[in-house]
C-alpha atoms as a PDB file:
ATOM      1  CA  MET A   1      22.685  18.894  -0.569  1.00  0.00           C
ATOM      2  CA  LYS A   2      24.455  16.157   1.653  1.00  0.00           C
ATOM      3  CA  ASN A   3      26.237  18.932   3.521  1.00  0.00           C
ATOM      4  CA  ILE A   4      23.117  20.362   4.777  1.00  0.00           C
ATOM      5  CA  LEU A   5      21.329  18.607   8.117  1.00  0.00           C
ATOM      6  CA  ILE A   6      18.082  18.717   9.375  1.00  0.00           C
ATOM      7  CA  SER A   7      17.747  17.940  13.243  1.00  0.00           C
ATOM      8  CA  THR A   8      15.160  14.723  13.289  1.00  0.00           C
ATOM      9  CA  GLU A   9      13.952  16.564  16.518  1.00  0.00           C
ATOM     10  CA  GLU A  10      12.368  19.464  14.260  1.00  0.00           C
ATOM     11  CA  SER A  11       9.893  16.988  13.186  1.00  0.00           C
ATOM     12  CA  MET A  12       7.923  14.098  14.270  1.00  0.00           C
ATOM     13  CA  ILE A  13       8.309  12.176  11.411  1.00  0.00           C
ATOM     14  CA  LEU A  14      12.011  12.583  10.955  1.00  0.00           C
ATOM     15  CA  SER A  15      11.709  11.415  14.923  1.00  0.00           C
ATOM     16  CA  GLN A  16      10.361   8.271  13.462  1.00  0.00           C
ATOM     17  CA  LEU A  17      12.169   7.546  10.966  1.00  0.00           C
ATOM     18  CA  TYR A  18      15.477   8.357  11.968  1.00  0.00           C
ATOM     19  CA  GLU A  19      15.368   7.236  16.012  1.00  0.00           C
ATOM     20  CA  ASP A  20      18.926   6.827  16.233  1.00  0.00           C
ATOM     21  CA  LYS A  21      20.501  10.223  14.102  1.00  0.00           C
ATOM     22  CA  GLU A  22      20.298  13.310  15.678  1.00  0.00           C
ATOM     23  CA  SER A  23      20.081  15.065  12.232  1.00  0.00           C
ATOM     24  CA  VAL A  24      19.739  13.291   8.866  1.00  0.00           C
ATOM     25  CA  SER A  25      20.403  15.097   5.381  1.00  0.00           C
ATOM     26  CA  VAL A  26      18.744  16.194   2.700  1.00  0.00           C
ATOM     27  CA  ALA A  27      19.710  13.987   0.795  1.00  0.00           C
ATOM     28  CA  ASP A  28      18.883  11.195   2.931  1.00  0.00           C
ATOM     29  CA  ILE A  29      15.401  12.571   2.749  1.00  0.00           C
ATOM     30  CA  LEU A  30      15.306  12.734  -0.897  1.00  0.00           C
ATOM     31  CA  SER A  31      16.856   9.261  -1.419  1.00  0.00           C
ATOM     32  CA  LEU A  32      13.429   8.000   1.301  1.00  0.00           C
ATOM     33  CA  LEU A  33      10.927   9.658  -0.553  1.00  0.00           C
ATOM     34  CA  GLU A  34      12.156   8.456  -3.911  1.00  0.00           C
ATOM     35  CA  TYR A  35      11.824   4.972  -2.368  1.00  0.00           C
ATOM     36  CA  GLN A  36       8.512   5.886  -0.862  1.00  0.00           C
ATOM     37  CA  GLN A  37       7.526   6.525  -4.345  1.00  0.00           C
ATOM     38  CA  THR A  38       8.431   3.519  -5.936  1.00  0.00           C
ATOM     39  CA  VAL A  39       6.157   1.479  -3.460  1.00  0.00           C
ATOM     40  CA  ILE A  40       3.404   3.798  -3.434  1.00  0.00           C
ATOM     41  CA  ASP A  41       3.775   3.093  -7.834  1.00  0.00           C
ATOM     42  CA  GLU A  42       3.770  -0.322  -7.039  1.00  0.00           C
ATOM     43  CA  LEU A  43       0.671  -0.303  -4.868  1.00  0.00           C
ATOM     44  CA  GLU A  44      -1.228   1.294  -6.800  1.00  0.00           C
ATOM     45  CA  GLU A  45      -0.451  -0.764  -9.940  1.00  0.00           C
ATOM     46  CA  GLU A  46      -1.605  -4.112  -7.570  1.00  0.00           C
ATOM     47  CA  ASN A  47      -4.792  -2.541  -6.864  1.00  0.00           C
ATOM     48  CA  LYS A  48      -5.278  -1.338 -10.594  1.00  0.00           C
ATOM     49  CA  ASN A  49      -4.432  -5.050 -11.249  1.00  0.00           C
ATOM     50  CA  LEU A  50      -6.886  -6.379  -8.663  1.00  0.00           C
ATOM     51  CA  LYS A  51     -10.105  -4.326  -9.771  1.00  0.00           C
ATOM     52  CA  GLN A  52      -9.310  -5.134 -13.101  1.00  0.00           C
ATOM     53  CA  ASP A  53      -9.137  -8.823 -12.134  1.00  0.00           C
ATOM     54  CA  ILE A  54     -12.106  -8.577 -10.018  1.00  0.00           C
ATOM     55  CA  GLU A  55     -14.129  -6.731 -12.796  1.00  0.00           C
ATOM     56  CA  GLU A  56     -13.320  -9.664 -15.175  1.00  0.00           C
ATOM     57  CA  ASN A  57     -13.606 -12.577 -13.142  1.00  0.00           C
ATOM     58  CA  TYR A  58     -16.499 -11.966 -10.558  1.00  0.00           C
ATOM     59  CA  ARG A  59     -19.995 -13.206 -10.666  1.00  0.00           C
ATOM     60  CA  PRO A  60     -22.734 -13.215  -8.211  1.00  0.00           C
ATOM     61  CA  ILE A  61     -22.772 -16.776  -6.576  1.00  0.00           C
ATOM     62  CA  PRO A  62     -26.690 -17.625  -5.888  1.00  0.00           C
ATOM     63  CA  LEU A  63     -27.397 -18.820  -1.879  1.00  0.00           C
ATOM     64  CA  ALA A  64     -28.513 -21.892  -3.938  1.00  0.00           C
ATOM     65  CA  GLU A  65     -25.526 -22.791  -5.015  1.00  0.00           C
ATOM     66  CA  GLN A  66     -23.298 -21.209  -1.963  1.00  0.00           C
ATOM     67  CA  TYR A  67     -25.265 -23.870   0.229  1.00  0.00           C
ATOM     68  CA  GLY A  68     -25.343 -26.664  -2.504  1.00  0.00           C
ATOM     69  CA  ILE A  69     -29.052 -26.693  -2.754  1.00  0.00           C
ATOM     70  CA  SER A  70     -31.232 -26.977  -5.761  1.00  0.00           C
ATOM     71  CA  ASP A  71     -34.918 -26.272  -5.917  1.00  0.00           C
ATOM     72  CA  ARG A  72     -35.436 -29.976  -7.180  1.00  0.00           C
ATOM     73  CA  ASP A  73     -34.889 -30.664  -3.474  1.00  0.00           C
ATOM     74  CA  PHE A  74     -37.627 -29.451  -2.579  1.00  0.00           C
ATOM     75  CA  ILE A  75     -40.211 -30.761  -4.924  1.00  0.00           C
END
């Protein structure tokens, strides 16, 4: 597949990703796709971990506690 070249003018995304090239090989495109999938997988894992952290550690904080006051302050 390294011998198959695609003109970057054929696609807007290819022209943006490969600004300095007139053509790009299918192997280069596949390599980029594999890298992007790795990034997506890492972001999905990070998102999953953040959601789990929120579920485990979140508790609503009452307004009185946020402002540092209590009902005793008004009695």
